[in-house]
PDB file of all heavy atoms in Angstrom:
ATOM      1  N   CYS A   1      40.461  24.275 -17.749  1.00  0.00           N
ATOM      2  CA  CYS A   1      39.114  23.847 -17.363  1.00  0.00           C
ATOM      3  C   CYS A   1      39.105  22.397 -16.895  1.00  0.00           C
ATOM      4  O   CYS A   1      38.397  22.028 -15.948  1.00  0.00           O
ATOM      5  CB  CYS A   1      38.146  24.037 -18.538  1.00  0.00           C
ATOM      6  SG  CYS A   1      37.849  25.760 -18.996  1.00  0.00           S
ATOM      7  N   TRP A   2      39.908  21.555 -17.558  1.00  0.00           N
ATOM      8  CA  TRP A   2      39.980  20.147 -17.169  1.00  0.00           C
ATOM      9  C   TRP A   2      40.552  19.999 -15.764  1.00  0.00           C
ATOM     10  O   TRP A   2      40.082  19.194 -14.964  1.00  0.00           O
ATOM     11  CB  TRP A   2      40.817  19.383 -18.178  1.00  0.00           C
ATOM     12  CG  TRP A   2      40.943  17.917 -17.876  1.00  0.00           C
ATOM     13  CD1 TRP A   2      41.960  17.287 -17.234  1.00  0.00           C
ATOM     14  CD2 TRP A   2      39.976  16.911 -18.193  1.00  0.00           C
ATOM     15  NE1 TRP A   2      41.694  15.947 -17.126  1.00  0.00           N
ATOM     16  CE2 TRP A   2      40.495  15.684 -17.711  1.00  0.00           C
ATOM     17  CE3 TRP A   2      38.739  16.924 -18.837  1.00  0.00           C
ATOM     18  CZ2 TRP A   2      39.799  14.486 -17.856  1.00  0.00           C
ATOM     19  CZ3 TRP A   2      38.062  15.715 -18.977  1.00  0.00           C
ATOM     20  CH2 TRP A   2      38.589  14.523 -18.497  1.00  0.00           C
ATOM     21  N   GLN A   3      41.555  20.796 -15.438  1.00  0.00           N
ATOM     22  CA  GLN A   3      42.138  20.744 -14.105  1.00  0.00           C
ATOM     23  C   GLN A   3      41.148  21.214 -13.050  1.00  0.00           C
ATOM     24  O   GLN A   3      41.053  20.641 -11.965  1.00  0.00           O
ATOM     25  CB  GLN A   3      43.414  21.593 -14.059  1.00  0.00           C
ATOM     26  CG  GLN A   3      44.572  21.019 -14.870  1.00  0.00           C
ATOM     27  CD  GLN A   3      45.788  21.916 -14.849  1.00  0.00           C
ATOM     28  OE1 GLN A   3      45.710  23.071 -14.419  1.00  0.00           O
ATOM     29  NE2 GLN A   3      46.918  21.400 -15.326  1.00  0.00           N
ATOM     30  N   VAL A   4      40.405  22.273 -13.360  1.00  0.00           N
ATOM     31  CA  VAL A   4      39.394  22.754 -12.412  1.00  0.00           C
ATOM     32  C   VAL A   4      38.316  21.698 -12.193  1.00  0.00           C
ATOM     33  O   VAL A   4      37.862  21.463 -11.058  1.00  0.00           O
ATOM     34  CB  VAL A   4      38.777  24.073 -12.916  1.00  0.00           C
ATOM     35  CG1 VAL A   4      37.586  24.481 -12.055  1.00  0.00           C
ATOM     36  CG2 VAL A   4      39.820  25.180 -12.926  1.00  0.00           C
ATOM     37  N   MET A   5      37.901  21.029 -13.265  1.00  0.00           N
ATOM     38  CA  MET A   5      36.878  19.999 -13.147  1.00  0.00           C
ATOM     39  C   MET A   5      37.390  18.815 -12.333  1.00  0.00           C
ATOM     40  O   MET A   5      36.676  18.266 -11.482  1.00  0.00           O
ATOM     41  CB  MET A   5      36.443  19.535 -14.536  1.00  0.00           C
ATOM     42  CG  MET A   5      35.299  18.524 -14.522  1.00  0.00           C
ATOM     43  SD  MET A   5      34.881  17.922 -16.155  1.00  0.00           S
ATOM     44  CE  MET A   5      36.339  16.918 -16.513  1.00  0.00           C
ATOM     45  N   ASN A   6      38.627  18.410 -12.568  1.00  0.00           N
ATOM     46  CA  ASN A   6      39.182  17.277 -11.825  1.00  0.00           C
ATOM     47  C   ASN A   6      39.339  17.586 -10.345  1.00  0.00           C
ATOM     48  O   ASN A   6      39.207  16.698  -9.490  1.00  0.00           O
ATOM     49  CB  ASN A   6      40.556  16.890 -12.403  1.00  0.00           C
ATOM     50  CG  ASN A   6      40.418  16.117 -13.702  1.00  0.00           C
ATOM     51  OD1 ASN A   6      39.373  15.539 -13.976  1.00  0.00           O
ATOM     52  ND2 ASN A   6      41.456  16.118 -14.507  1.00  0.00           N
ATOM     53  N   ALA A   7      39.603  18.855 -10.025  1.00  0.00           N
ATOM     54  CA  ALA A   7      39.813  19.214  -8.624  1.00  0.00           C
ATOM     55  C   ALA A   7      38.547  19.038  -7.802  1.00  0.00           C
ATOM     56  O   ALA A   7      38.618  18.743  -6.600  1.00  0.00           O
ATOM     57  CB  ALA A   7      40.306  20.655  -8.523  1.00  0.00           C
ATOM     58  N   GLY A   8      37.364  19.212  -8.410  1.00  0.00           N
ATOM     59  CA  GLY A   8      36.107  19.108  -7.672  1.00  0.00           C
ATOM     60  C   GLY A   8      35.282  17.889  -8.019  1.00  0.00           C
ATOM     61  O   GLY A   8      34.098  17.844  -7.693  1.00  0.00           O
ATOM     62  N   THR A   9      35.872  16.907  -8.679  1.00  0.00           N
ATOM     63  CA  THR A   9      35.131  15.733  -9.117  1.00  0.00           C
ATOM     64  C   THR A   9      35.658  14.486  -8.407  1.00  0.00           C
ATOM     65  O   THR A   9      36.874  14.271  -8.339  1.00  0.00           O
ATOM     66  CB  THR A   9      35.251  15.540 -10.634  1.00  0.00           C
ATOM     67  OG1 THR A   9      34.740  16.696 -11.288  1.00  0.00           O
ATOM     68  CG2 THR A   9      34.447  14.332 -11.086  1.00  0.00           C
ATOM     69  N   MET A  10      34.730  13.703  -7.857  1.00  0.00           N
ATOM     70  CA  MET A  10      35.094  12.420  -7.250  1.00  0.00           C
ATOM     71  C   MET A  10      34.780  11.332  -8.266  1.00  0.00           C
ATOM     72  O   MET A  10      33.617  10.966  -8.485  1.00  0.00           O
ATOM     73  CB  MET A  10      34.319  12.205  -5.947  1.00  0.00           C
ATOM     74  CG  MET A  10      34.595  13.269  -4.895  1.00  0.00           C
ATOM     75  SD  MET A  10      33.738  12.992  -3.333  1.00  0.00           S
ATOM     76  CE  MET A  10      34.582  11.501  -2.775  1.00  0.00           C
ATOM     77  N   TRP A  11      35.809  10.836  -8.919  1.00  0.00           N
ATOM     78  CA  TRP A  11      35.638   9.910 -10.027  1.00  0.00           C
ATOM     79  C   TRP A  11      35.090   8.555  -9.581  1.00  0.00           C
ATOM     80  O   TRP A  11      34.600   7.781 -10.408  1.00  0.00           O
ATOM     81  CB  TRP A  11      36.958   9.740 -10.765  1.00  0.00           C
ATOM     82  CG  TRP A  11      37.363  10.994 -11.474  1.00  0.00           C
ATOM     83  CD1 TRP A  11      38.299  11.894 -11.084  1.00  0.00           C
ATOM     84  CD2 TRP A  11      36.802  11.507 -12.685  1.00  0.00           C
ATOM     85  NE1 TRP A  11      38.366  12.947 -11.958  1.00  0.00           N
ATOM     86  CE2 TRP A  11      37.457  12.736 -12.963  1.00  0.00           C
ATOM     87  CE3 TRP A  11      35.800  11.068 -13.546  1.00  0.00           C
ATOM     88  CZ2 TRP A  11      37.152  13.511 -14.077  1.00  0.00           C
ATOM     89  CZ3 TRP A  11      35.492  11.843 -14.650  1.00  0.00           C
ATOM     90  CH2 TRP A  11      36.165  13.052 -14.911  1.00  0.00           C
ATOM     91  N   VAL A  12      35.148   8.279  -8.274  1.00  0.00           N
ATOM     92  CA  VAL A  12      34.546   7.036  -7.775  1.00  0.00           C
ATOM     93  C   VAL A  12      33.037   7.062  -7.989  1.00  0.00           C
ATOM     94  O   VAL A  12      32.422   6.069  -8.410  1.00  0.00           O
ATOM     95  CB  VAL A  12      34.891   6.847  -6.284  1.00  0.00           C
ATOM     96  CG1 VAL A  12      34.170   5.628  -5.724  1.00  0.00           C
ATOM     97  CG2 VAL A  12      36.393   6.722  -6.102  1.00  0.00           C
ATOM     98  N   PHE A  13      32.442   8.230  -7.717  1.00  0.00           N
ATOM     99  CA  PHE A  13      31.000   8.364  -7.923  1.00  0.00           C
ATOM    100  C   PHE A  13      30.659   8.376  -9.416  1.00  0.00           C
ATOM    101  O   PHE A  13      29.612   7.870  -9.822  1.00  0.00           O
ATOM    102  CB  PHE A  13      30.491   9.631  -7.248  1.00  0.00           C
ATOM    103  CG  PHE A  13      30.536   9.580  -5.754  1.00  0.00           C
ATOM    104  CD1 PHE A  13      31.576  10.167  -5.063  1.00  0.00           C
ATOM    105  CD2 PHE A  13      29.552   8.922  -5.040  1.00  0.00           C
ATOM    106  CE1 PHE A  13      31.627  10.119  -3.679  1.00  0.00           C
ATOM    107  CE2 PHE A  13      29.589   8.869  -3.656  1.00  0.00           C
ATOM    108  CZ  PHE A  13      30.633   9.457  -2.973  1.00  0.00           C
ATOM    109  N   VAL A  14      31.533   8.969 -10.222  1.00  0.00           N
ATOM    110  CA  VAL A  14      31.292   8.985 -11.666  1.00  0.00           C
ATOM    111  C   VAL A  14      31.308   7.570 -12.226  1.00  0.00           C
ATOM    112  O   VAL A  14      30.489   7.202 -13.075  1.00  0.00           O
ATOM    113  CB  VAL A  14      32.341   9.865 -12.366  1.00  0.00           C
ATOM    114  CG1 VAL A  14      32.173   9.799 -13.886  1.00  0.00           C
ATOM    115  CG2 VAL A  14      32.225  11.316 -11.885  1.00  0.00           C
ATOM    116  N   ALA A  15      32.249   6.751 -11.747  1.00  0.00           N
ATOM    117  CA  ALA A  15      32.323   5.358 -12.217  1.00  0.00           C
ATOM    118  C   ALA A  15      31.088   4.567 -11.806  1.00  0.00           C
ATOM    119  O   ALA A  15      30.662   3.633 -12.508  1.00  0.00           O
ATOM    120  CB  ALA A  15      33.590   4.698 -11.678  1.00  0.00           C
ATOM    121  N   ASP A  16      30.490   4.936 -10.670  1.00  0.00           N
ATOM    122  CA  ASP A  16      29.304   4.222 -10.177  1.00  0.00           C
ATOM    123  C   ASP A  16      28.003   4.785 -10.742  1.00  0.00           C
ATOM    124  O   ASP A  16      26.930   4.243 -10.481  1.00  0.00           O
ATOM    125  CB  ASP A  16      29.279   4.298  -8.645  1.00  0.00           C
ATOM    126  CG  ASP A  16      28.225   3.387  -8.038  1.00  0.00           C
ATOM    127  OD1 ASP A  16      28.196   2.207  -8.418  1.00  0.00           O
ATOM    128  OD2 ASP A  16      27.433   3.871  -7.209  1.00  0.00           O
ATOM    129  N   ALA A  17      28.092   5.897 -11.514  1.00  0.00           N
ATOM    130  CA  ALA A  17      26.890   6.559 -12.018  1.00  0.00           C
ATOM    131  C   ALA A  17      26.023   5.670 -12.908  1.00  0.00           C
ATOM    132  O   ALA A  17      24.788   5.691 -12.771  1.00  0.00           O
ATOM    133  CB  ALA A  17      27.283   7.841 -12.761  1.00  0.00           C
ATOM    134  N   PRO A  18      26.570   4.873 -13.838  1.00  0.00           N
ATOM    135  CA  PRO A  18      25.686   4.037 -14.677  1.00  0.00           C
ATOM    136  C   PRO A  18      24.829   3.070 -13.870  1.00  0.00           C
ATOM    137  O   PRO A  18      23.633   2.908 -14.158  1.00  0.00           O
ATOM    138  CB  PRO A  18      26.674   3.294 -15.585  1.00  0.00           C
ATOM    139  CG  PRO A  18      27.874   4.183 -15.651  1.00  0.00           C
ATOM    140  CD  PRO A  18      27.969   4.801 -14.298  1.00  0.00           C
ATOM    141  N   SER A  19      25.409   2.438 -12.850  1.00  0.00           N
ATOM    142  CA  SER A  19      24.618   1.494 -12.046  1.00  0.00           C
ATOM    143  C   SER A  19      23.557   2.235 -11.232  1.00  0.00           C
ATOM    144  O   SER A  19      22.432   1.751 -11.067  1.00  0.00           O
ATOM    145  CB  SER A  19      25.540   0.700 -11.122  1.00  0.00           C
ATOM    146  OG  SER A  19      26.242   1.566 -10.242  1.00  0.00           O
ATOM    147  N   GLN A  20      23.890   3.448 -10.726  1.00  0.00           N
ATOM    148  CA  GLN A  20      22.910   4.232  -9.978  1.00  0.00           C
ATOM    149  C   GLN A  20      21.765   4.684 -10.880  1.00  0.00           C
ATOM    150  O   GLN A  20      20.591   4.656 -10.477  1.00  0.00           O
ATOM    151  CB  GLN A  20      23.588   5.450  -9.345  1.00  0.00           C
ATOM    152  CG  GLN A  20      24.596   5.119  -8.259  1.00  0.00           C
ATOM    153  CD  GLN A  20      23.946   4.491  -7.046  1.00  0.00           C
ATOM    154  OE1 GLN A  20      22.775   4.738  -6.743  1.00  0.00           O
ATOM    155  NE2 GLN A  20      24.695   3.651  -6.352  1.00  0.00           N
ATOM    156  N   ALA A  21      22.108   5.107 -12.109  1.00  0.00           N
ATOM    157  CA  ALA A  21      21.062   5.523 -13.051  1.00  0.00           C
ATOM    158  C   ALA A  21      20.154   4.348 -13.412  1.00  0.00           C
ATOM    159  O   ALA A  21      18.926   4.504 -13.510  1.00  0.00           O
ATOM    160  CB  ALA A  21      21.701   6.112 -14.306  1.00  0.00           C
ATOM    161  N   ALA A  22      20.747   3.167 -13.605  1.00  0.00           N
ATOM    162  CA  ALA A  22      19.933   1.989 -13.916  1.00  0.00           C
ATOM    163  C   ALA A  22      19.029   1.621 -12.743  1.00  0.00           C
ATOM    164  O   ALA A  22      17.865   1.226 -12.933  1.00  0.00           O
ATOM    165  CB  ALA A  22      20.847   0.813 -14.276  1.00  0.00           C
ATOM    166  N   ASP A  23      19.532   1.780 -11.517  1.00  0.00           N
ATOM    167  CA  ASP A  23      18.732   1.453 -10.338  1.00  0.00           C
ATOM    168  C   ASP A  23      17.543   2.406 -10.207  1.00  0.00           C
ATOM    169  O   ASP A  23      16.408   1.977  -9.964  1.00  0.00           O
ATOM    170  CB  ASP A  23      19.618   1.524  -9.094  1.00  0.00           C
ATOM    171  CG  ASP A  23      18.839   1.221  -7.823  1.00  0.00           C
ATOM    172  OD1 ASP A  23      18.244   0.127  -7.729  1.00  0.00           O
ATOM    173  OD2 ASP A  23      18.808   2.088  -6.932  1.00  0.00           O
ATOM    174  N   ILE A  24      17.790   3.723 -10.384  1.00  0.00           N
ATOM    175  CA  ILE A  24      16.692   4.693 -10.296  1.00  0.00           C
ATOM    176  C   ILE A  24      15.700   4.475 -11.437  1.00  0.00           C
ATOM    177  O   ILE A  24      14.473   4.563 -11.242  1.00  0.00           O
ATOM    178  CB  ILE A  24      17.255   6.124 -10.311  1.00  0.00           C
ATOM    179  CG1 ILE A  24      18.045   6.396  -9.029  1.00  0.00           C
ATOM    180  CG2 ILE A  24      16.133   7.151 -10.460  1.00  0.00           C
ATOM    181  CD1 ILE A  24      18.720   7.755  -9.008  1.00  0.00           C
ATOM    182  N   GLY A  25      16.217   4.184 -12.628  1.00  0.00           N
ATOM    183  CA  GLY A  25      15.321   3.939 -13.758  1.00  0.00           C
ATOM    184  C   GLY A  25      14.425   2.738 -13.536  1.00  0.00           C
ATOM    185  O   GLY A  25      13.237   2.755 -13.907  1.00  0.00           O
ATOM    186  N   SER A  26      14.961   1.689 -12.912  1.00  0.00           N
ATOM    187  CA  SER A  26      14.136   0.512 -12.630  1.00  0.00           C
ATOM    188  C   SER A  26      13.059   0.813 -11.601  1.00  0.00           C
ATOM    189  O   SER A  26      11.969   0.227 -11.637  1.00  0.00           O
ATOM    190  CB  SER A  26      15.028  -0.632 -12.151  1.00  0.00           C
ATOM    191  OG  SER A  26      15.649  -0.305 -10.910  1.00  0.00           O
ATOM    192  N   ARG A  27      13.325   1.753 -10.679  1.00  0.00           N
ATOM    193  CA  ARG A  27      12.336   2.117  -9.668  1.00  0.00           C
ATOM    194  C   ARG A  27      11.247   3.027 -10.237  1.00  0.00           C
ATOM    195  O   ARG A  27      10.168   3.132  -9.665  1.00  0.00           O
ATOM    196  CB  ARG A  27      13.014   2.824  -8.494  1.00  0.00           C
ATOM    197  CG  ARG A  27      14.011   1.964  -7.739  1.00  0.00           C
ATOM    198  CD  ARG A  27      14.590   2.714  -6.560  1.00  0.00           C
ATOM    199  NE  ARG A  27      15.638   1.956  -5.892  1.00  0.00           N
ATOM    200  CZ  ARG A  27      16.252   2.334  -4.783  1.00  0.00           C
ATOM    201  NH1 ARG A  27      15.919   3.497  -4.208  1.00  0.00           N
ATOM    202  NH2 ARG A  27      17.196   1.586  -4.246  1.00  0.00           N
ATOM    203  N   MET A  28      11.538   3.696 -11.355  1.00  0.00           N
ATOM    204  CA  MET A  28      10.542   4.587 -11.952  1.00  0.00           C
ATOM    205  C   MET A  28       9.435   3.824 -12.673  1.00  0.00           C
ATOM    206  O   MET A  28       8.340   4.366 -12.875  1.00  0.00           O
ATOM    207  CB  MET A  28      11.222   5.531 -12.953  1.00  0.00           C
ATOM    208  CG  MET A  28      11.999   6.661 -12.312  1.00  0.00           C
ATOM    209  SD  MET A  28      12.629   7.801 -13.581  1.00  0.00           S
ATOM    210  CE  MET A  28      13.332   9.080 -12.548  1.00  0.00           C
ATOM    211  N   PHE A  29       9.695   2.608 -13.068  1.00  0.00           N
ATOM    212  CA  PHE A  29       8.720   1.866 -13.871  1.00  0.00           C
ATOM    213  C   PHE A  29       8.186   0.680 -13.074  1.00  0.00           C
ATOM    214  O   PHE A  29       8.939  -0.001 -12.356  1.00  0.00           O
ATOM    215  CB  PHE A  29       9.368   1.403 -15.172  1.00  0.00           C
ATOM    216  CG  PHE A  29       9.700   2.536 -16.093  1.00  0.00           C
ATOM    217  CD1 PHE A  29      10.970   3.086 -16.090  1.00  0.00           C
ATOM    218  CD2 PHE A  29       8.743   3.059 -16.936  1.00  0.00           C
ATOM    219  CE1 PHE A  29      11.281   4.138 -16.929  1.00  0.00           C
ATOM    220  CE2 PHE A  29       9.044   4.117 -17.772  1.00  0.00           C
ATOM    221  CZ  PHE A  29      10.320   4.651 -17.772  1.00  0.00           C
ATOM    222  N   PRO A  30       6.858   0.492 -13.188  1.00  0.00           N
ATOM    223  CA  PRO A  30       5.906   1.266 -13.992  1.00  0.00           C
ATOM    224  C   PRO A  30       5.535   2.580 -13.306  1.00  0.00           C
ATOM    225  O   PRO A  30       5.521   2.648 -12.075  1.00  0.00           O
ATOM    226  CB  PRO A  30       4.696   0.342 -14.087  1.00  0.00           C
ATOM    227  CG  PRO A  30       4.745  -0.451 -12.827  1.00  0.00           C
ATOM    228  CD  PRO A  30       6.205  -0.636 -12.516  1.00  0.00           C
ATOM    229  N   PRO A  31       5.235   3.634 -14.078  1.00  0.00           N
ATOM    230  CA  PRO A  31       4.816   4.900 -13.467  1.00  0.00           C
ATOM    231  C   PRO A  31       3.520   4.736 -12.689  1.00  0.00           C
ATOM    232  O   PRO A  31       2.670   3.905 -13.030  1.00  0.00           O
ATOM    233  CB  PRO A  31       4.628   5.834 -14.683  1.00  0.00           C
ATOM    234  CG  PRO A  31       5.388   5.196 -15.785  1.00  0.00           C
ATOM    235  CD  PRO A  31       5.318   3.726 -15.546  1.00  0.00           C
ATOM    236  N   ARG A  32       3.379   5.541 -11.672  1.00  0.00           N
ATOM    237  CA  ARG A  32       2.176   5.484 -10.838  1.00  0.00           C
ATOM    238  C   ARG A  32       1.105   6.370 -11.456  1.00  0.00           C
ATOM    239  O   ARG A  32       0.988   7.557 -11.167  1.00  0.00           O
ATOM    240  CB  ARG A  32       2.512   5.941  -9.425  1.00  0.00           C
ATOM    241  CG  ARG A  32       1.345   5.819  -8.452  1.00  0.00           C
ATOM    242  CD  ARG A  32       1.716   6.425  -7.111  1.00  0.00           C
ATOM    243  NE  ARG A  32       0.531   6.573  -6.272  1.00  0.00           N
ATOM    244  CZ  ARG A  32       0.516   7.228  -5.127  1.00  0.00           C
ATOM    245  NH1 ARG A  32       1.619   7.810  -4.681  1.00  0.00           N
ATOM    246  NH2 ARG A  32      -0.599   7.327  -4.437  1.00  0.00           N
ATOM    247  N   LEU A  33       0.301   5.790 -12.342  1.00  0.00           N
ATOM    248  CA  LEU A  33      -0.711   6.559 -13.062  1.00  0.00           C
ATOM    249  C   LEU A  33      -1.838   7.028 -12.146  1.00  0.00           C
ATOM    250  O   LEU A  33      -2.542   7.991 -12.468  1.00  0.00           O
ATOM    251  CB  LEU A  33      -1.277   5.720 -14.211  1.00  0.00           C
ATOM    252  CG  LEU A  33      -0.253   5.297 -15.283  1.00  0.00           C
ATOM    253  CD1 LEU A  33      -0.934   4.491 -16.369  1.00  0.00           C
ATOM    254  CD2 LEU A  33       0.456   6.515 -15.857  1.00  0.00           C
ATOM    255  N   GLY A  34      -2.022   6.370 -11.012  1.00  0.00           N
ATOM    256  CA  GLY A  34      -3.031   6.806 -10.072  1.00  0.00           C
ATOM    257  C   GLY A  34      -2.709   8.151  -9.434  1.00  0.00           C
ATOM    258  O   GLY A  34      -3.569   8.753  -8.769  1.00  0.00           O
ATOM    259  N   TYR A  35      -1.488   8.620  -9.660  1.00  0.00           N
ATOM    260  CA  TYR A  35      -1.062   9.908  -9.111  1.00  0.00           C
ATOM    261  C   TYR A  35      -1.473  11.075  -9.994  1.00  0.00           C
ATOM    262  O   TYR A  35      -1.342  12.235  -9.609  1.00  0.00           O
ATOM    263  CB  TYR A  35       0.463   9.876  -8.939  1.00  0.00           C
ATOM    264  CG  TYR A  35       1.054  11.034  -8.181  1.00  0.00           C
ATOM    265  CD1 TYR A  35       0.680  11.297  -6.874  1.00  0.00           C
ATOM    266  CD2 TYR A  35       1.998  11.870  -8.769  1.00  0.00           C
ATOM    267  CE1 TYR A  35       1.229  12.345  -6.164  1.00  0.00           C
ATOM    268  CE2 TYR A  35       2.564  12.927  -8.068  1.00  0.00           C
ATOM    269  CZ  TYR A  35       2.164  13.160  -6.768  1.00  0.00           C
ATOM    270  OH  TYR A  35       2.704  14.201  -6.066  1.00  0.00           O
ATOM    271  N   LEU A  36      -1.983  10.781 -11.188  1.00  0.00           N
ATOM    272  CA  LEU A  36      -2.335  11.827 -12.159  1.00  0.00           C
ATOM    273  C   LEU A  36      -3.352  12.844 -11.632  1.00  0.00           C
ATOM    274  O   LEU A  36      -3.185  14.051 -11.863  1.00  0.00           O
ATOM    275  CB  LEU A  36      -2.856  11.188 -13.451  1.00  0.00           C
ATOM    276  CG  LEU A  36      -1.810  10.631 -14.415  1.00  0.00           C
ATOM    277  CD1 LEU A  36      -2.473   9.908 -15.570  1.00  0.00           C
ATOM    278  CD2 LEU A  36      -0.930  11.772 -14.925  1.00  0.00           C
ATOM    279  N   PRO A  37      -4.431  12.420 -10.941  1.00  0.00           N
ATOM    280  CA  PRO A  37      -5.397  13.435 -10.470  1.00  0.00           C
ATOM    281  C   PRO A  37      -4.781  14.492  -9.557  1.00  0.00           C
ATOM    282  O   PRO A  37      -5.238  15.642  -9.551  1.00  0.00           O
ATOM    283  CB  PRO A  37      -6.445  12.594  -9.723  1.00  0.00           C
ATOM    284  CG  PRO A  37      -6.373  11.253 -10.369  1.00  0.00           C
ATOM    285  CD  PRO A  37      -4.927  11.053 -10.700  1.00  0.00           C
ATOM    286  N   GLU A  38      -3.749  14.129  -8.819  1.00  0.00           N
ATOM    287  CA  GLU A  38      -3.108  15.103  -7.933  1.00  0.00           C
ATOM    288  C   GLU A  38      -2.244  16.106  -8.691  1.00  0.00           C
ATOM    289  O   GLU A  38      -1.820  17.115  -8.117  1.00  0.00           O
ATOM    290  CB  GLU A  38      -2.248  14.380  -6.889  1.00  0.00           C
ATOM    291  CG  GLU A  38      -3.035  13.459  -5.969  1.00  0.00           C
ATOM    292  CD  GLU A  38      -2.158  12.879  -4.878  1.00  0.00           C
ATOM    293  OE1 GLU A  38      -1.209  13.577  -4.453  1.00  0.00           O
ATOM    294  OE2 GLU A  38      -2.413  11.733  -4.458  1.00  0.00           O
ATOM    295  N   LEU A  39      -1.991  15.827  -9.971  1.00  0.00           N
ATOM    296  CA  LEU A  39      -1.135  16.711 -10.762  1.00  0.00           C
ATOM    297  C   LEU A  39      -1.917  17.731 -11.580  1.00  0.00           C
ATOM    298  O   LEU A  39      -1.325  18.631 -12.168  1.00  0.00           O
ATOM    299  CB  LEU A  39      -0.266  15.878 -11.716  1.00  0.00           C
ATOM    300  CG  LEU A  39       0.691  14.879 -11.064  1.00  0.00           C
ATOM    301  CD1 LEU A  39       1.454  14.099 -12.136  1.00  0.00           C
ATOM    302  CD2 LEU A  39       1.666  15.583 -10.142  1.00  0.00           C
TER     303      LEU A  39
END
C-alpha cells in the first residue's frame, strides 16, 4: 500500500500543504456573516 501511495503522490505538494492550509485559513476569517440570508 505504501508503494502504491508513493507512486501517485507528489511529495513537493505535500511539503507545501501546511503553508497552503494556513493561507486558506487566513482568507476564511472573518466569515462573511452577511451571506447568511442566502443560505
